[in-house]
């Protein structure tokens, strides 16, 4: 029987790329996203082959919303055994301009949202005695980034959470790893570029040692391996899919 994978932030960018990869791998895939029309369109576009797909609107920072979303996934596709937490937001603010609302929201979505989704998926993995969790963190949590103290802090928390859960869940045959991308050509990055918060994909891409920005498909390839049986002996690790940008 095909495994069931859930991808948060799956309406676009890295999440959508990961979801496409999982469909190619033959999994049934649920994409979760705050963008209701976008997530429905993404799920419809993923249909093909023998995979079932589902799109569910969800606010990952709201526990009731997440609980409802996972109930819908189980009812439509079955127990969840694979989870990739790609949902996230970014802000660009000088440290003295970060107000309480911005700080709280970015922590709520990027860190607490990751934790809530993992909690929602874990009962199925524990019952199966098998599971794969990949969190999407950020190179900014490793190297730092100007005007992104709140974002980097939230993603640093994701890295720490990943390592803690990897140790706790290892004996239950559940692996937990994180991918901290560097510059990836996504709608979120292009939006930051258009606002003037980011120099631009075409500017930064050539500075990467491999000479280009990453793509959602680059991240998806690593997720596919980590979430397969071949990734069974890798847990608690940062898998730096970054073109050599940070080593």
Protein backbone atom coordinates (compact mmCIF):
# COMPACT_ATOMS: atom_id res chain seq x y z
CA UNK A 1 0.00 0.00 0.00
CA UNK A 2 1.30 3.46 -0.87
CA UNK A 3 2.46 5.61 2.01
CA UNK A 4 0.70 8.88 2.84
CA UNK A 5 2.77 12.05 2.86
CA UNK A 6 1.75 15.47 4.16
CA UNK A 7 3.53 18.60 2.98
CA UNK A 8 2.80 21.91 4.68
CA UNK A 9 3.25 25.09 2.68
CA UNK A 10 2.48 22.92 -0.32
CA UNK A 11 0.68 25.45 -2.51
CA UNK A 12 3.89 26.88 -3.97
CA UNK A 13 7.66 27.03 -3.78
CA UNK A 14 9.62 24.38 -1.93
CA UNK A 15 6.50 22.70 -0.58
CA UNK A 16 4.96 22.25 -4.01
CA UNK A 17 8.24 20.91 -5.37
CA UNK A 18 8.40 18.36 -2.54
CA UNK A 19 4.79 17.35 -3.13
CA UNK A 20 5.50 16.78 -6.84
CA UNK A 21 8.48 14.63 -5.91
CA UNK A 22 6.37 12.51 -3.58
CA UNK A 23 3.74 11.94 -6.26
CA UNK A 24 6.54 10.81 -8.57
CA UNK A 25 7.66 8.43 -5.79
CA UNK A 26 4.18 6.91 -5.77
CA UNK A 27 2.94 8.28 -2.45
CA UNK A 28 -0.52 9.60 -1.71
CA UNK A 29 0.03 13.29 -0.98
CA UNK A 30 -1.84 15.90 1.03
CA UNK A 31 -0.77 19.51 0.58
CA UNK A 32 -1.62 21.92 3.39
CA UNK A 33 -1.44 25.69 3.04
CA UNK A 34 -3.00 28.91 4.30
CA UNK A 35 -3.82 29.82 0.68
CA UNK A 36 -7.11 27.98 0.15
CA UNK A 37 -7.54 28.46 -3.62
CA UNK A 38 -3.82 27.91 -4.13
CA UNK A 39 -3.72 24.65 -2.24
CA UNK A 40 -6.76 23.32 -4.11
CA UNK A 41 -5.13 24.20 -7.43
CA UNK A 42 -1.86 22.60 -6.33
CA UNK A 43 -3.58 19.36 -5.35
CA UNK A 44 -5.48 19.26 -8.64
CA UNK A 45 -2.26 19.79 -10.56
CA UNK A 46 -0.58 16.91 -8.72
CA UNK A 47 -3.13 14.33 -9.77
CA UNK A 48 -1.85 11.56 -11.97
CA UNK A 49 -0.68 7.99 -11.94
CA UNK A 50 -1.85 5.93 -9.01
CA UNK A 51 -1.40 8.64 -6.38
CA UNK A 52 -4.30 10.24 -4.57
CA UNK A 53 -3.93 13.92 -3.70
CA UNK A 54 -5.72 16.27 -1.34
CA UNK A 55 -5.51 20.00 -0.71
CA UNK A 56 -6.48 21.39 2.69
CA UNK A 57 -6.48 24.99 3.83
CA UNK A 58 -4.82 25.32 7.22
CA UNK A 59 -3.18 27.85 9.51
CA UNK A 60 -0.28 25.88 10.96
CA UNK A 61 -0.08 28.27 13.91
CA UNK A 62 -3.62 27.33 14.97
CA UNK A 63 -3.84 23.98 16.73
CA UNK A 64 -7.53 23.45 16.00
CA UNK A 65 -6.98 24.17 12.31
CA UNK A 66 -4.11 21.67 12.16
CA UNK A 67 -6.09 19.00 14.02
CA UNK A 68 -8.97 19.39 11.59
CA UNK A 69 -6.64 19.25 8.59
CA UNK A 70 -5.01 16.01 9.70
CA UNK A 71 -8.41 14.47 10.38
CA UNK A 72 -9.36 15.29 6.79
CA UNK A 73 -6.13 13.73 5.52
CA UNK A 74 -6.71 10.51 7.46
CA UNK A 75 -10.29 10.26 6.28
CA UNK A 76 -9.38 10.78 2.61
CA UNK A 77 -5.97 9.13 2.29
CA UNK A 78 -5.19 7.12 5.42
CA UNK A 79 -2.67 7.29 8.28
CA UNK A 80 0.20 9.75 7.87
CA UNK A 81 3.70 8.26 7.77
CA UNK A 82 5.65 11.05 6.06
CA UNK A 83 5.66 14.74 6.98
CA UNK A 84 7.58 17.65 5.46
CA UNK A 85 7.05 20.97 7.22
CA UNK A 86 7.68 23.65 4.61
CA UNK A 87 5.10 26.24 5.73
CA UNK A 88 6.78 29.47 6.71
CA UNK A 89 6.81 33.24 6.50
CA UNK A 90 9.60 35.79 6.39
CA UNK A 91 10.04 39.42 7.44
CA UNK A 92 12.91 41.84 6.93
CA UNK A 93 13.30 44.32 9.78
CA UNK A 94 16.19 46.00 11.56
CA UNK A 95 16.43 44.55 15.04
CA UNK A 96 15.10 47.70 16.77
CA UNK A 97 12.13 47.74 14.40
CA UNK A 98 10.94 44.23 15.29
CA UNK A 99 7.77 44.71 17.29
CA UNK A 100 6.02 42.14 19.47
CA UNK A 101 3.41 41.27 16.85
CA UNK A 102 6.00 40.51 14.16
CA UNK A 103 8.16 38.49 16.55
CA UNK A 104 5.22 36.48 17.86
CA UNK A 105 3.77 35.77 14.41
CA UNK A 106 6.99 34.51 12.85
CA UNK A 107 7.69 32.26 15.84
CA UNK A 108 4.08 31.05 15.78
CA UNK A 109 4.18 30.05 12.12
CA UNK A 110 7.75 28.90 11.60
CA UNK A 111 8.54 27.21 14.91
CA UNK A 112 5.32 26.55 16.79
CA UNK A 113 3.55 25.61 13.54
CA UNK A 114 6.24 23.05 12.80
CA UNK A 115 5.84 21.58 16.29
CA UNK A 116 2.03 21.44 16.10
CA UNK A 117 2.10 19.64 12.74
CA UNK A 118 4.63 17.11 14.00
CA UNK A 119 2.47 16.44 17.05
CA UNK A 120 -0.55 15.93 14.79
CA UNK A 121 1.27 13.41 12.57
CA UNK A 122 3.12 11.43 15.23
CA UNK A 123 0.33 9.15 16.50
CA UNK A 124 0.08 7.49 13.07
CA UNK A 125 3.85 7.05 12.83
CA UNK A 126 4.07 5.60 16.33
CA UNK A 127 1.25 3.17 15.57
CA UNK A 128 3.02 2.06 12.38
CA UNK A 129 6.45 1.82 13.98
CA UNK A 130 7.79 3.78 11.00
CA UNK A 131 7.93 7.43 10.09
CA UNK A 132 9.81 10.13 8.26
CA UNK A 133 9.85 13.80 9.24
CA UNK A 134 11.78 16.49 7.37
CA UNK A 135 11.66 20.06 8.58
CA UNK A 136 12.63 22.94 6.33
CA UNK A 137 14.83 25.32 8.28
CA UNK A 138 17.20 27.91 6.80
CA UNK A 139 20.85 28.69 6.25
CA UNK A 140 20.16 31.98 8.02
CA UNK A 141 19.97 30.04 11.28
CA UNK A 142 23.52 28.80 10.68
CA UNK A 143 25.22 31.87 9.21
CA UNK A 144 23.01 34.73 10.39
CA UNK A 145 21.33 37.25 8.12
CA UNK A 146 20.88 41.03 8.37
CA UNK A 147 17.39 42.29 9.19
CA UNK A 148 16.22 38.71 9.81
CA UNK A 149 16.84 38.21 13.52
CA UNK A 150 13.26 37.03 14.06
CA UNK A 151 13.33 34.71 11.03
CA UNK A 152 16.74 33.27 11.85
CA UNK A 153 15.72 32.69 15.47
CA UNK A 154 12.57 30.84 14.40
CA UNK A 155 14.52 28.61 12.03
CA UNK A 156 17.23 28.01 14.63
CA UNK A 157 14.47 26.73 16.87
CA UNK A 158 13.37 24.38 14.09
CA UNK A 159 16.90 22.95 13.91
CA UNK A 160 17.01 22.40 17.69
CA UNK A 161 13.52 20.87 17.67
CA UNK A 162 14.57 18.51 14.88
CA UNK A 163 17.59 17.27 16.80
CA UNK A 164 15.63 16.77 20.03
CA UNK A 165 12.87 14.79 18.33
CA UNK A 166 15.36 12.68 16.37
CA UNK A 167 16.84 11.42 19.63
CA UNK A 168 13.46 10.93 21.29
CA UNK A 169 11.86 9.05 18.38
CA UNK A 170 14.78 7.00 17.09
CA UNK A 171 13.82 3.77 18.88
CA UNK A 172 10.36 4.00 17.31
CA UNK A 173 12.00 3.93 13.83
CA UNK A 174 10.98 7.49 13.11
CA UNK A 175 13.69 9.64 11.55
CA UNK A 176 13.71 13.42 11.88
CA UNK A 177 16.03 15.56 9.75
CA UNK A 178 16.16 19.16 8.59
CA UNK A 179 17.11 20.81 5.31
CA UNK A 180 18.40 24.39 5.68
CA UNK A 181 18.28 25.84 2.16
CA UNK A 182 20.23 28.92 1.15
CA UNK A 183 18.95 30.92 -1.82
CA UNK A 184 16.10 29.11 -3.59
CA UNK A 185 14.09 30.51 -6.49
CA UNK A 186 10.59 30.55 -5.02
CA UNK A 187 7.61 32.93 -5.10
CA UNK A 188 8.48 34.01 -1.53
CA UNK A 189 12.02 34.94 -2.59
CA UNK A 190 10.74 36.76 -5.66
CA UNK A 191 8.25 38.67 -3.50
CA UNK A 192 11.07 39.77 -1.18
CA UNK A 193 13.01 40.84 -4.26
CA UNK A 194 10.10 42.91 -5.57
CA UNK A 195 9.73 44.65 -2.19
CA UNK A 196 13.41 45.55 -2.20
CA UNK A 197 14.17 43.38 0.84
CA UNK A 198 16.42 41.01 -1.11
CA UNK A 199 19.00 41.81 -3.83
CA UNK A 200 17.47 39.25 -6.15
CA UNK A 201 17.80 35.67 -7.32
CA UNK A 202 19.70 36.75 -10.43
CA UNK A 203 22.15 38.73 -8.30
CA UNK A 204 22.77 36.21 -5.52
CA UNK A 205 22.52 33.04 -7.63
CA UNK A 206 25.89 33.51 -9.41
CA UNK A 207 27.57 34.00 -6.00
CA UNK A 208 26.67 30.45 -4.95
CA UNK A 209 29.70 28.15 -5.40
CA UNK A 210 27.73 26.00 -7.87
CA UNK A 211 26.86 29.16 -9.80
CA UNK A 212 23.08 29.22 -9.48
CA UNK A 213 20.21 29.53 -7.06
CA UNK A 214 18.59 26.36 -5.82
CA UNK A 215 15.23 25.15 -7.09
CA UNK A 216 12.32 23.50 -5.28
CA UNK A 217 13.26 20.33 -7.16
CA UNK A 218 16.71 20.37 -5.53
CA UNK A 219 15.12 20.34 -2.09
CA UNK A 220 12.55 17.76 -3.20
CA UNK A 221 15.26 15.33 -4.29
CA UNK A 222 16.79 15.35 -0.82
CA UNK A 223 13.38 14.93 0.81
CA UNK A 224 12.60 11.96 -1.42
CA UNK A 225 15.77 10.21 -0.31
CA UNK A 226 15.39 11.02 3.39
CA UNK A 227 11.76 9.84 3.36
CA UNK A 228 12.51 6.55 1.60
CA UNK A 229 13.64 3.26 3.11
CA UNK A 230 17.14 4.16 1.89
CA UNK A 231 17.23 7.00 4.39
CA UNK A 232 16.56 4.78 7.38
CA UNK A 233 19.97 5.32 9.04
CA UNK A 234 19.99 9.12 8.81
CA UNK A 235 18.40 11.05 11.65
CA UNK A 236 19.00 14.27 13.57
CA UNK A 237 21.00 15.71 10.69
CA UNK A 238 21.18 19.01 8.84
CA UNK A 239 21.25 18.16 5.15
CA UNK A 240 22.63 21.34 3.55
CA UNK A 241 21.09 21.49 0.09
CA UNK A 242 22.67 24.85 -0.64
CA UNK A 243 25.00 24.64 -3.63
CA UNK A 244 28.01 25.02 -1.33
CA UNK A 245 26.84 28.41 -0.06
CA UNK A 246 27.51 27.46 3.58
CA UNK A 247 29.71 24.54 4.61
